[in-house]
Each structure stands twice: as structure tokens, then as C-alpha cells.
Amino acid sequence: MRYPMKVFYSEEDKGFIAVVLDLPGCSAFGETEEDAVREARTAEQLWLETAKKQKRKIPAPSTEETFSGRILARTPKSLHRALTERAKEEGVSLNQLVVYLLSSGVQQSRHA
């Protein structure tokens, strides 16, 4: 089972904090986002093992029921054309380009 996670930069700690959203108190620190996520996955495992030993109720990951990973977006024809042309220039599919651009935008907004 994989649980959804929120990762953010902490000025106070001068590093990244990853919080496992469905598991109360489950979080980890890392100097990079990747370190924080890796540490949080370890914390997730330990949280689950401890909960099982203590016979506590273990919540189901919320993403299993909520997010499919599929987005249908209507765009103006001019934007569709521009994205298609750029995808061809980059040698990638339109879907790959859109995912890349969305990811870049989300990353920039996290650090703004």
C-alpha cells in the first residue's frame, strides 16, 4: 500500500518535510525532496508495522479511491496546436509534454 504524501520546503529546518497524509504523526525530513520522500516511506512502513502489532485500525490510502491519474482538459484550438507542435519539436507525445509542463509548474509554485 502506498499512501499519499505532501512534501514542502521548511525555511526553519532548511530542508524538506514529507508528511504521509493518512497516517497521523507520520512524517520525515530530508535535505532534498527525494531524501524526505525516501525517509517518509520508511516511516510509513514502521507506522504500519507498529499499528499492526498494537492492533490499531489502519486507514486505507485515500488515493486508491480518489485519484485515477487521468485528466480530461478542454483547450482552445490554438493552444492545442501550439502544444502539439512543441511536442513534435521535442520528440515526445502530447501527453508526455503536458505532464512535463504541469509538473514544472507545480514545482515552481512550491518554491515561489
PDB file of N, CA and C in Angstrom:
ATOM      1  N   MET A   1       0.835  -1.189   0.000  1.00  0.00           N
ATOM      2  CA  MET A   1       0.000   0.000   0.000  1.00  0.00           C
ATOM      3  C   MET A   1       0.877   1.250   0.000  1.00  0.00           C
ATOM      4  N   ARG A   2       0.552   2.190  -0.842  1.00  0.00           N
ATOM      5  CA  ARG A   2       1.243   3.471  -0.845  1.00  0.00           C
ATOM      6  C   ARG A   2       0.259   4.554  -0.437  1.00  0.00           C
ATOM      7  N   TYR A   3       0.672   5.385   0.481  1.00  0.00           N
ATOM      8  CA  TYR A   3      -0.165   6.466   0.970  1.00  0.00           C
ATOM      9  C   TYR A   3       0.244   7.783   0.317  1.00  0.00           C
ATOM     10  N   PRO A   4      -0.727   8.679   0.115  1.00  0.00           N
ATOM     11  CA  PRO A   4      -0.388   9.974  -0.466  1.00  0.00           C
ATOM     12  C   PRO A   4       0.481  10.769   0.499  1.00  0.00           C
ATOM     13  N   MET A   5       1.289  11.622  -0.085  1.00  0.00           N
ATOM     14  CA  MET A   5       2.272  12.347   0.696  1.00  0.00           C
ATOM     15  C   MET A   5       2.325  13.794   0.223  1.00  0.00           C
ATOM     16  N   LYS A   6       2.529  14.698   1.158  1.00  0.00           N
ATOM     17  CA  LYS A   6       2.746  16.094   0.805  1.00  0.00           C
ATOM     18  C   LYS A   6       4.182  16.428   1.199  1.00  0.00           C
ATOM     19  N   VAL A   7       4.902  17.047   0.263  1.00  0.00           N
ATOM     20  CA  VAL A   7       6.296  17.419   0.513  1.00  0.00           C
ATOM     21  C   VAL A   7       6.406  18.927   0.364  1.00  0.00           C
ATOM     22  N   PHE A   8       7.057  19.562   1.328  1.00  0.00           N
ATOM     23  CA  PHE A   8       7.234  21.007   1.261  1.00  0.00           C
ATOM     24  C   PHE A   8       8.580  21.399   1.852  1.00  0.00           C
ATOM     25  N   TYR A   9       9.044  22.579   1.449  1.00  0.00           N
ATOM     26  CA  TYR A   9      10.319  23.093   1.953  1.00  0.00           C
ATOM     27  C   TYR A   9      10.065  23.860   3.240  1.00  0.00           C
ATOM     28  N   SER A  10      10.875  23.622   4.245  1.00  0.00           N
ATOM     29  CA  SER A  10      10.778  24.316   5.525  1.00  0.00           C
ATOM     30  C   SER A  10      11.968  25.259   5.678  1.00  0.00           C
ATOM     31  N   GLU A  11      11.683  26.539   5.661  1.00  0.00           N
ATOM     32  CA  GLU A  11      12.743  27.540   5.875  1.00  0.00           C
ATOM     33  C   GLU A  11      13.384  27.351   7.244  1.00  0.00           C
ATOM     34  N   GLU A  12      12.534  27.089   8.232  1.00  0.00           N
ATOM     35  CA  GLU A  12      13.016  26.923   9.603  1.00  0.00           C
ATOM     36  C   GLU A  12      14.013  25.773   9.717  1.00  0.00           C
ATOM     37  N   ASP A  13      13.701  24.663   9.054  1.00  0.00           N
ATOM     38  CA  ASP A  13      14.555  23.481   9.130  1.00  0.00           C
ATOM     39  C   ASP A  13      15.604  23.420   8.030  1.00  0.00           C
ATOM     40  N   LYS A  14      15.490  24.315   7.038  1.00  0.00           N
ATOM     41  CA  LYS A  14      16.414  24.340   5.898  1.00  0.00           C
ATOM     42  C   LYS A  14      16.474  22.987   5.201  1.00  0.00           C
ATOM     43  N   GLY A  15      15.285  22.437   4.968  1.00  0.00           N
ATOM     44  CA  GLY A  15      15.189  21.156   4.290  1.00  0.00           C
ATOM     45  C   GLY A  15      13.739  20.848   3.974  1.00  0.00           C
ATOM     46  N   PHE A  16      13.507  19.659   3.479  1.00  0.00           N
ATOM     47  CA  PHE A  16      12.173  19.256   3.047  1.00  0.00           C
ATOM     48  C   PHE A  16      11.511  18.362   4.081  1.00  0.00           C
ATOM     49  N   ILE A  17      10.224  18.560   4.238  1.00  0.00           N
ATOM     50  CA  ILE A  17       9.406  17.752   5.132  1.00  0.00           C
ATOM     51  C   ILE A  17       8.414  16.981   4.258  1.00  0.00           C
ATOM     52  N   ALA A  18       8.306  15.687   4.476  1.00  0.00           N
ATOM     53  CA  ALA A  18       7.318  14.858   3.788  1.00  0.00           C
ATOM     54  C   ALA A  18       6.346  14.340   4.839  1.00  0.00           C
ATOM     55  N   VAL A  19       5.057  14.574   4.602  1.00  0.00           N
ATOM     56  CA  VAL A  19       4.020  14.162   5.534  1.00  0.00           C
ATOM     57  C   VAL A  19       3.156  13.100   4.855  1.00  0.00           C
ATOM     58  N   VAL A  20       3.000  11.954   5.490  1.00  0.00           N
ATOM     59  CA  VAL A  20       2.124  10.906   4.982  1.00  0.00           C
ATOM     60  C   VAL A  20       0.712  11.273   5.451  1.00  0.00           C
ATOM     61  N   LEU A  21      -0.121  11.708   4.521  1.00  0.00           N
ATOM     62  CA  LEU A  21      -1.376  12.369   4.843  1.00  0.00           C
ATOM     63  C   LEU A  21      -2.377  11.525   5.618  1.00  0.00           C
ATOM     64  N   ASP A  22      -2.457  10.253   5.370  1.00  0.00           N
ATOM     65  CA  ASP A  22      -3.475   9.417   6.006  1.00  0.00           C
ATOM     66  C   ASP A  22      -3.032   8.777   7.322  1.00  0.00           C
ATOM     67  N   LEU A  23      -1.757   8.944   7.678  1.00  0.00           N
ATOM     68  CA  LEU A  23      -1.225   8.305   8.879  1.00  0.00           C
ATOM     69  C   LEU A  23      -0.829   9.369   9.897  1.00  0.00           C
ATOM     70  N   PRO A  24      -1.638   9.596  10.916  1.00  0.00           N
ATOM     71  CA  PRO A  24      -1.372  10.658  11.893  1.00  0.00           C
ATOM     72  C   PRO A  24       0.036  10.583  12.484  1.00  0.00           C
ATOM     73  N   GLY A  25       0.740  11.714  12.445  1.00  0.00           N
ATOM     74  CA  GLY A  25       2.065  11.810  13.030  1.00  0.00           C
ATOM     75  C   GLY A  25       3.181  11.220  12.179  1.00  0.00           C
ATOM     76  N   CYS A  26       2.871  10.764  11.006  1.00  0.00           N
ATOM     77  CA  CYS A  26       3.882  10.115  10.154  1.00  0.00           C
ATOM     78  C   CYS A  26       4.478  11.134   9.190  1.00  0.00           C
ATOM     79  N   SER A  27       5.735  11.503   9.450  1.00  0.00           N
ATOM     80  CA  SER A  27       6.420  12.473   8.594  1.00  0.00           C
ATOM     81  C   SER A  27       7.925  12.232   8.689  1.00  0.00           C
ATOM     82  N   ALA A  28       8.651  12.906   7.808  1.00  0.00           N
ATOM     83  CA  ALA A  28      10.105  12.741   7.799  1.00  0.00           C
ATOM     84  C   ALA A  28      10.761  13.975   7.198  1.00  0.00           C
ATOM     85  N   PHE A  29      12.041  14.132   7.467  1.00  0.00           N
ATOM     86  CA  PHE A  29      12.850  15.251   6.995  1.00  0.00           C
ATOM     87  C   PHE A  29      13.898  14.740   6.017  1.00  0.00           C
ATOM     88  N   GLY A  30      14.259  15.601   5.058  1.00  0.00           N
ATOM     89  CA  GLY A  30      15.361  15.284   4.152  1.00  0.00           C
ATOM     90  C   GLY A  30      15.970  16.560   3.609  1.00  0.00           C
ATOM     91  N   GLU A  31      17.241  16.508   3.266  1.00  0.00           N
ATOM     92  CA  GLU A  31      17.895  17.679   2.678  1.00  0.00           C
ATOM     93  C   GLU A  31      17.380  17.954   1.269  1.00  0.00           C
ATOM     94  N   THR A  32      16.911  16.901   0.589  1.00  0.00           N
ATOM     95  CA  THR A  32      16.297  17.047  -0.732  1.00  0.00           C
ATOM     96  C   THR A  32      14.889  16.461  -0.659  1.00  0.00           C
ATOM     97  N   GLU A  33      14.075  16.774  -1.682  1.00  0.00           N
ATOM     98  CA  GLU A  33      12.731  16.184  -1.726  1.00  0.00           C
ATOM     99  C   GLU A  33      12.811  14.665  -1.767  1.00  0.00           C
ATOM    100  N   GLU A  34      13.752  14.149  -2.561  1.00  0.00           N
ATOM    101  CA  GLU A  34      13.897  12.701  -2.699  1.00  0.00           C
ATOM    102  C   GLU A  34      14.260  12.054  -1.368  1.00  0.00           C
ATOM    103  N   ASP A  35      15.163  12.697  -0.620  1.00  0.00           N
ATOM    104  CA  ASP A  35      15.537  12.174   0.704  1.00  0.00           C
ATOM    105  C   ASP A  35      14.322  12.154   1.634  1.00  0.00           C
ATOM    106  N   ALA A  36      13.559  13.234   1.630  1.00  0.00           N
ATOM    107  CA  ALA A  36      12.388  13.326   2.506  1.00  0.00           C
ATOM    108  C   ALA A  36      11.370  12.245   2.157  1.00  0.00           C
ATOM    109  N   VAL A  37      11.132  12.028   0.871  1.00  0.00           N
ATOM    110  CA  VAL A  37      10.175  11.006   0.442  1.00  0.00           C
ATOM    111  C   VAL A  37      10.673   9.620   0.842  1.00  0.00           C
ATOM    112  N   ARG A  38      11.944   9.344   0.608  1.00  0.00           N
ATOM    113  CA  ARG A  38      12.511   8.038   0.969  1.00  0.00           C
ATOM    114  C   ARG A  38      12.380   7.798   2.483  1.00  0.00           C
ATOM    115  N   GLU A  39      12.710   8.798   3.265  1.00  0.00           N
ATOM    116  CA  GLU A  39      12.604   8.673   4.727  1.00  0.00           C
ATOM    117  C   GLU A  39      11.151   8.513   5.165  1.00  0.00           C
ATOM    118  N   ALA A  40      10.252   9.222   4.496  1.00  0.00           N
ATOM    119  CA  ALA A  40       8.832   9.118   4.840  1.00  0.00           C
ATOM    120  C   ALA A  40       8.283   7.737   4.499  1.00  0.00           C
ATOM    121  N   ARG A  41       8.766   7.124   3.423  1.00  0.00           N
ATOM    122  CA  ARG A  41       8.326   5.767   3.081  1.00  0.00           C
ATOM    123  C   ARG A  41       8.789   4.778   4.155  1.00  0.00           C
ATOM    124  N   THR A  42       9.992   5.009   4.695  1.00  0.00           N
ATOM    125  CA  THR A  42      10.476   4.168   5.803  1.00  0.00           C
ATOM    126  C   THR A  42       9.608   4.387   7.034  1.00  0.00           C
ATOM    127  N   ALA A  43       9.294   5.656   7.330  1.00  0.00           N
ATOM    128  CA  ALA A  43       8.433   5.974   8.468  1.00  0.00           C
ATOM    129  C   ALA A  43       7.043   5.361   8.285  1.00  0.00           C
ATOM    130  N   GLU A  44       6.556   5.372   7.041  1.00  0.00           N
ATOM    131  CA  GLU A  44       5.253   4.764   6.729  1.00  0.00           C
ATOM    132  C   GLU A  44       5.260   3.274   7.078  1.00  0.00           C
ATOM    133  N   GLN A  45       6.311   2.582   6.648  1.00  0.00           N
ATOM    134  CA  GLN A  45       6.433   1.149   6.938  1.00  0.00           C
ATOM    135  C   GLN A  45       6.437   0.886   8.442  1.00  0.00           C
ATOM    136  N   LEU A  46       7.225   1.677   9.160  1.00  0.00           N
ATOM    137  CA  LEU A  46       7.314   1.499  10.612  1.00  0.00           C
ATOM    138  C   LEU A  46       5.987   1.825  11.290  1.00  0.00           C
ATOM    139  N   TRP A  47       5.303   2.859  10.819  1.00  0.00           N
ATOM    140  CA  TRP A  47       3.995   3.233  11.363  1.00  0.00           C
ATOM    141  C   TRP A  47       3.033   2.062  11.209  1.00  0.00           C
ATOM    142  N   LEU A  48       2.992   1.477   9.997  1.00  0.00           N
ATOM    143  CA  LEU A  48       2.079   0.366   9.720  1.00  0.00           C
ATOM    144  C   LEU A  48       2.420  -0.874  10.552  1.00  0.00           C
ATOM    145  N   GLU A  49       3.714  -1.192  10.669  1.00  0.00           N
ATOM    146  CA  GLU A  49       4.125  -2.344  11.476  1.00  0.00           C
ATOM    147  C   GLU A  49       3.722  -2.158  12.926  1.00  0.00           C
ATOM    148  N   THR A  50       3.926  -0.958  13.451  1.00  0.00           N
ATOM    149  CA  THR A  50       3.567  -0.665  14.843  1.00  0.00           C
ATOM    150  C   THR A  50       2.056  -0.747  15.043  1.00  0.00           C
ATOM    151  N   ALA A  51       1.305  -0.194  14.104  1.00  0.00           N
ATOM    152  CA  ALA A  51      -0.158  -0.240  14.202  1.00  0.00           C
ATOM    153  C   ALA A  51      -0.661  -1.682  14.196  1.00  0.00           C
ATOM    154  N   LYS A  52      -0.065  -2.523  13.358  1.00  0.00           N
ATOM    155  CA  LYS A  52      -0.468  -3.935  13.313  1.00  0.00           C
ATOM    156  C   LYS A  52      -0.180  -4.626  14.643  1.00  0.00           C
ATOM    157  N   LYS A  53       1.023  -4.392  15.190  1.00  0.00           N
ATOM    158  CA  LYS A  53       1.399  -5.011  16.466  1.00  0.00           C
ATOM    159  C   LYS A  53       0.473  -4.574  17.591  1.00  0.00           C
ATOM    160  N   GLN A  54       0.060  -3.290  17.547  1.00  0.00           N
ATOM    161  CA  GLN A  54      -0.810  -2.756  18.588  1.00  0.00           C
ATOM    162  C   GLN A  54      -2.290  -2.962  18.274  1.00  0.00           C
ATOM    163  N   LYS A  55      -2.563  -3.648  17.161  1.00  0.00           N
ATOM    164  CA  LYS A  55      -3.923  -3.936  16.713  1.00  0.00           C
ATOM    165  C   LYS A  55      -4.776  -2.676  16.572  1.00  0.00           C
ATOM    166  N   ARG A  56      -4.125  -1.595  16.064  1.00  0.00           N
ATOM    167  CA  ARG A  56      -4.850  -0.355  15.775  1.00  0.00           C
ATOM    168  C   ARG A  56      -5.457  -0.437  14.389  1.00  0.00           C
ATOM    169  N   LYS A  57      -6.513   0.321  14.177  1.00  0.00           N
ATOM    170  CA  LYS A  57      -7.140   0.380  12.862  1.00  0.00           C
ATOM    171  C   LYS A  57      -6.196   1.089  11.893  1.00  0.00           C
ATOM    172  N   ILE A  58      -6.013   0.503  10.726  1.00  0.00           N
ATOM    173  CA  ILE A  58      -5.129   1.075   9.700  1.00  0.00           C
ATOM    174  C   ILE A  58      -6.000   1.635   8.581  1.00  0.00           C
ATOM    175  N   PRO A  59      -5.903   2.935   8.343  1.00  0.00           N
ATOM    176  CA  PRO A  59      -6.730   3.530   7.287  1.00  0.00           C
ATOM    177  C   PRO A  59      -6.262   3.100   5.900  1.00  0.00           C
ATOM    178  N   ALA A  60      -7.222   3.012   4.987  1.00  0.00           N
ATOM    179  CA  ALA A  60      -6.879   2.728   3.585  1.00  0.00           C
ATOM    180  C   ALA A  60      -6.295   3.997   2.971  1.00  0.00           C
ATOM    181  N   PRO A  61      -5.354   3.861   2.049  1.00  0.00           N
ATOM    182  CA  PRO A  61      -4.812   5.053   1.387  1.00  0.00           C
ATOM    183  C   PRO A  61      -5.923   5.802   0.652  1.00  0.00           C
ATOM    184  N   SER A  62      -6.010   7.093   0.869  1.00  0.00           N
ATOM    185  CA  SER A  62      -7.086   7.873   0.269  1.00  0.00           C
ATOM    186  C   SER A  62      -6.971   7.958  -1.244  1.00  0.00           C
ATOM    187  N   THR A  63      -5.778   7.850  -1.794  1.00  0.00           N
ATOM    188  CA  THR A  63      -5.636   7.977  -3.240  1.00  0.00           C
ATOM    189  C   THR A  63      -6.215   6.796  -3.985  1.00  0.00           C
ATOM    190  N   GLU A  64      -6.324   5.641  -3.342  1.00  0.00           N
ATOM    191  CA  GLU A  64      -6.877   4.479  -4.030  1.00  0.00           C
ATOM    192  C   GLU A  64      -8.307   4.727  -4.464  1.00  0.00           C
ATOM    193  N   GLU A  65      -9.022   5.550  -3.730  1.00  0.00           N
ATOM    194  CA  GLU A  65     -10.419   5.799  -4.028  1.00  0.00           C
ATOM    195  C   GLU A  65     -10.639   7.122  -4.747  1.00  0.00           C
ATOM    196  N   THR A  66      -9.683   8.018  -4.698  1.00  0.00           N
ATOM    197  CA  THR A  66      -9.915   9.380  -5.131  1.00  0.00           C
ATOM    198  C   THR A  66      -9.315   9.749  -6.482  1.00  0.00           C
ATOM    199  N   PHE A  67      -8.104   9.350  -6.765  1.00  0.00           N
ATOM    200  CA  PHE A  67      -7.397   9.855  -7.930  1.00  0.00           C
ATOM    201  C   PHE A  67      -7.048   8.742  -8.911  1.00  0.00           C
ATOM    202  N   SER A  68      -7.449   8.918 -10.150  1.00  0.00           N
ATOM    203  CA  SER A  68      -7.167   7.911 -11.173  1.00  0.00           C
ATOM    204  C   SER A  68      -5.887   8.212 -11.931  1.00  0.00           C
ATOM    205  N   GLY A  69      -5.421   9.465 -11.884  1.00  0.00           N
ATOM    206  CA  GLY A  69      -4.254   9.852 -12.663  1.00  0.00           C
ATOM    207  C   GLY A  69      -4.619  10.279 -14.073  1.00  0.00           C
ATOM    208  N   ARG A  70      -5.895  10.332 -14.341  1.00  0.00           N
ATOM    209  CA  ARG A  70      -6.355  10.703 -15.677  1.00  0.00           C
ATOM    210  C   ARG A  70      -7.075  12.039 -15.605  1.00  0.00           C
ATOM    211  N   ILE A  71      -6.722  12.948 -16.520  1.00  0.00           N
ATOM    212  CA  ILE A  71      -7.337  14.269 -16.593  1.00  0.00           C
ATOM    213  C   ILE A  71      -7.796  14.507 -18.023  1.00  0.00           C
ATOM    214  N   LEU A  72      -9.016  14.963 -18.181  1.00  0.00           N
ATOM    215  CA  LEU A  72      -9.511  15.355 -19.490  1.00  0.00           C
ATOM    216  C   LEU A  72      -9.643  16.872 -19.458  1.00  0.00           C
ATOM    217  N   ALA A  73      -8.917  17.551 -20.325  1.00  0.00           N
ATOM    218  CA  ALA A  73      -8.923  19.018 -20.324  1.00  0.00           C
ATOM    219  C   ALA A  73      -9.299  19.546 -21.697  1.00  0.00           C
ATOM    220  N   ARG A  74     -10.261  20.432 -21.736  1.00  0.00           N
ATOM    221  CA  ARG A  74     -10.643  21.109 -22.975  1.00  0.00           C
ATOM    222  C   ARG A  74      -9.768  22.345 -23.110  1.00  0.00           C
ATOM    223  N   THR A  75      -9.187  22.542 -24.282  1.00  0.00           N
ATOM    224  CA  THR A  75      -8.325  23.706 -24.510  1.00  0.00           C
ATOM    225  C   THR A  75      -8.767  24.429 -25.778  1.00  0.00           C
ATOM    226  N   PRO A  76      -8.386  25.689 -25.891  1.00  0.00           N
ATOM    227  CA  PRO A  76      -8.636  26.384 -27.154  1.00  0.00           C
ATOM    228  C   PRO A  76      -7.849  25.690 -28.271  1.00  0.00           C
ATOM    229  N   LYS A  77      -8.362  25.741 -29.468  1.00  0.00           N
ATOM    230  CA  LYS A  77      -7.696  25.091 -30.599  1.00  0.00           C
ATOM    231  C   LYS A  77      -6.273  25.611 -30.793  1.00  0.00           C
ATOM    232  N   SER A  78      -6.078  26.912 -30.574  1.00  0.00           N
ATOM    233  CA  SER A  78      -4.740  27.486 -30.752  1.00  0.00           C
ATOM    234  C   SER A  78      -3.741  26.905 -29.745  1.00  0.00           C
ATOM    235  N   LEU A  79      -4.182  26.671 -28.517  1.00  0.00           N
ATOM    236  CA  LEU A  79      -3.304  26.066 -27.512  1.00  0.00           C
ATOM    237  C   LEU A  79      -3.020  24.614 -27.871  1.00  0.00           C
ATOM    238  N   HIS A  80      -4.029  23.894 -28.304  1.00  0.00           N
ATOM    239  CA  HIS A  80      -3.852  22.501 -28.723  1.00  0.00           C
ATOM    240  C   HIS A  80      -2.814  22.423 -29.838  1.00  0.00           C
ATOM    241  N   ARG A  81      -2.935  23.319 -30.802  1.00  0.00           N
ATOM    242  CA  ARG A  81      -1.985  23.357 -31.921  1.00  0.00           C
ATOM    243  C   ARG A  81      -0.570  23.637 -31.407  1.00  0.00           C
ATOM    244  N   ALA A  82      -0.427  24.662 -30.564  1.00  0.00           N
ATOM    245  CA  ALA A  82       0.896  25.043 -30.061  1.00  0.00           C
ATOM    246  C   ALA A  82       1.530  23.901 -29.260  1.00  0.00           C
ATOM    247  N   LEU A  83       0.741  23.239 -28.432  1.00  0.00           N
ATOM    248  CA  LEU A  83       1.264  22.118 -27.646  1.00  0.00           C
ATOM    249  C   LEU A  83       1.664  20.956 -28.542  1.00  0.00           C
ATOM    250  N   THR A  84       0.846  20.673 -29.531  1.00  0.00           N
ATOM    251  CA  THR A  84       1.154  19.584 -30.467  1.00  0.00           C
ATOM    252  C   THR A  84       2.447  19.865 -31.220  1.00  0.00           C
ATOM    253  N   GLU A  85       2.607  21.108 -31.682  1.00  0.00           N
ATOM    254  CA  GLU A  85       3.832  21.474 -32.399  1.00  0.00           C
ATOM    255  C   GLU A  85       5.053  21.360 -31.498  1.00  0.00           C
ATOM    256  N   ARG A  86       4.930  21.813 -30.263  1.00  0.00           N
ATOM    257  CA  ARG A  86       6.071  21.728 -29.344  1.00  0.00           C
ATOM    258  C   ARG A  86       6.411  20.273 -29.041  1.00  0.00           C
ATOM    259  N   ALA A  87       5.397  19.443 -28.864  1.00  0.00           N
ATOM    260  CA  ALA A  87       5.638  18.018 -28.605  1.00  0.00           C
ATOM    261  C   ALA A  87       6.404  17.387 -29.767  1.00  0.00           C
ATOM    262  N   LYS A  88       6.032  17.749 -30.991  1.00  0.00           N
ATOM    263  CA  LYS A  88       6.741  17.225 -32.164  1.00  0.00           C
ATOM    264  C   LYS A  88       8.191  17.696 -32.166  1.00  0.00           C
ATOM    265  N   GLU A  89       8.406  18.978 -31.830  1.00  0.00           N
ATOM    266  CA  GLU A  89       9.778  19.517 -31.775  1.00  0.00           C
ATOM    267  C   GLU A  89      10.623  18.781 -30.746  1.00  0.00           C
ATOM    268  N   GLU A  90      10.005  18.447 -29.610  1.00  0.00           N
ATOM    269  CA  GLU A  90      10.715  17.763 -28.522  1.00  0.00           C
ATOM    270  C   GLU A  90      10.844  16.262 -28.766  1.00  0.00           C
ATOM    271  N   GLY A  91      10.062  15.736 -29.708  1.00  0.00           N
ATOM    272  CA  GLY A  91      10.105  14.306 -29.986  1.00  0.00           C
ATOM    273  C   GLY A  91       9.404  13.471 -28.932  1.00  0.00           C
ATOM    274  N   VAL A  92       8.354  14.039 -28.315  1.00  0.00           N
ATOM    275  CA  VAL A  92       7.592  13.329 -27.286  1.00  0.00           C
ATOM    276  C   VAL A  92       6.113  13.366 -27.655  1.00  0.00           C
ATOM    277  N   SER A  93       5.327  12.574 -26.951  1.00  0.00           N
ATOM    278  CA  SER A  93       3.887  12.595 -27.192  1.00  0.00           C
ATOM    279  C   SER A  93       3.287  13.860 -26.565  1.00  0.00           C
ATOM    280  N   LEU A  94       2.114  14.202 -27.016  1.00  0.00           N
ATOM    281  CA  LEU A  94       1.403  15.350 -26.442  1.00  0.00           C
ATOM    282  C   LEU A  94       1.161  15.132 -24.952  1.00  0.00           C
ATOM    283  N   ASN A  95       0.764  13.923 -24.566  1.00  0.00           N
ATOM    284  CA  ASN A  95       0.539  13.623 -23.146  1.00  0.00           C
ATOM    285  C   ASN A  95       1.815  13.811 -22.323  1.00  0.00           C
ATOM    286  N   GLN A  96       2.939  13.325 -22.834  1.00  0.00           N
ATOM    287  CA  GLN A  96       4.204  13.478 -22.102  1.00  0.00           C
ATOM    288  C   GLN A  96       4.545  14.952 -21.906  1.00  0.00           C
ATOM    289  N   LEU A  97       4.361  15.748 -22.952  1.00  0.00           N
ATOM    290  CA  LEU A  97       4.662  17.168 -22.854  1.00  0.00           C
ATOM    291  C   LEU A  97       3.764  17.848 -21.830  1.00  0.00           C
ATOM    292  N   VAL A  98       2.462  17.558 -21.876  1.00  0.00           N
ATOM    293  CA  VAL A  98       1.526  18.193 -20.947  1.00  0.00           C
ATOM    294  C   VAL A  98       1.858  17.809 -19.501  1.00  0.00           C
ATOM    295  N   VAL A  99       2.168  16.540 -19.251  1.00  0.00           N
ATOM    296  CA  VAL A  99       2.543  16.106 -17.898  1.00  0.00           C
ATOM    297  C   VAL A  99       3.815  16.820 -17.449  1.00  0.00           C
ATOM    298  N   TYR A 100       4.790  16.923 -18.343  1.00  0.00           N
ATOM    299  CA  TYR A 100       6.036  17.627 -18.016  1.00  0.00           C
ATOM    300  C   TYR A 100       5.759  19.091 -17.653  1.00  0.00           C
ATOM    301  N   LEU A 101       4.975  19.774 -18.481  1.00  0.00           N
ATOM    302  CA  LEU A 101       4.688  21.189 -18.229  1.00  0.00           C
ATOM    303  C   LEU A 101       3.903  21.383 -16.935  1.00  0.00           C
ATOM    304  N   LEU A 102       2.937  20.519 -16.673  1.00  0.00           N
ATOM    305  CA  LEU A 102       2.188  20.610 -15.420  1.00  0.00           C
ATOM    306  C   LEU A 102       3.109  20.374 -14.219  1.00  0.00           C
ATOM    307  N   SER A 103       3.971  19.369 -14.313  1.00  0.00           N
ATOM    308  CA  SER A 103       4.905  19.079 -13.218  1.00  0.00           C
ATOM    309  C   SER A 103       5.840  20.251 -12.962  1.00  0.00           C
ATOM    310  N   SER A 104       6.344  20.845 -14.032  1.00  0.00           N
ATOM    311  CA  SER A 104       7.237  22.001 -13.890  1.00  0.00           C
ATOM    312  C   SER A 104       6.522  23.157 -13.208  1.00  0.00           C
ATOM    313  N   GLY A 105       5.277  23.394 -13.597  1.00  0.00           N
ATOM    314  CA  GLY A 105       4.503  24.466 -12.989  1.00  0.00           C
ATOM    315  C   GLY A 105       4.239  24.229 -11.514  1.00  0.00           C
ATOM    316  N   VAL A 106       3.930  22.998 -11.150  1.00  0.00           N
ATOM    317  CA  VAL A 106       3.684  22.665  -9.745  1.00  0.00           C
ATOM    318  C   VAL A 106       4.961  22.848  -8.937  1.00  0.00           C
ATOM    319  N   GLN A 107       6.099  22.397  -9.468  1.00  0.00           N
ATOM    320  CA  GLN A 107       7.382  22.555  -8.776  1.00  0.00           C
ATOM    321  C   GLN A 107       7.700  24.022  -8.545  1.00  0.00           C
ATOM    322  N   GLN A 108       7.515  24.853  -9.567  1.00  0.00           N
ATOM    323  CA  GLN A 108       7.801  26.283  -9.444  1.00  0.00           C
ATOM    324  C   GLN A 108       6.896  26.922  -8.406  1.00  0.00           C
ATOM    325  N   SER A 109       5.629  26.536  -8.378  1.00  0.00           N
ATOM    326  CA  SER A 109       4.712  27.154  -7.421  1.00  0.00           C
ATOM    327  C   SER A 109       5.034  26.739  -5.992  1.00  0.00           C
ATOM    328  N   ARG A 110       5.627  25.574  -5.810  1.00  0.00           N
ATOM    329  CA  ARG A 110       6.039  25.133  -4.466  1.00  0.00           C
ATOM    330  C   ARG A 110       7.156  25.996  -3.901  1.00  0.00           C
ATOM    331  N   HIS A 111       8.020  26.451  -4.792  1.00  0.00           N
ATOM    332  CA  HIS A 111       9.200  27.188  -4.353  1.00  0.00           C
ATOM    333  C   HIS A 111       9.029  28.692  -4.498  1.00  0.00           C
ATOM    334  N   ALA A 112       7.846  29.128  -4.856  1.00  0.00           N
ATOM    335  CA  ALA A 112       7.613  30.575  -5.032  1.00  0.00           C
ATOM    336  C   ALA A 112       7.236  31.232  -3.731  1.00  0.00           C
TER     337      ALA A 112
END
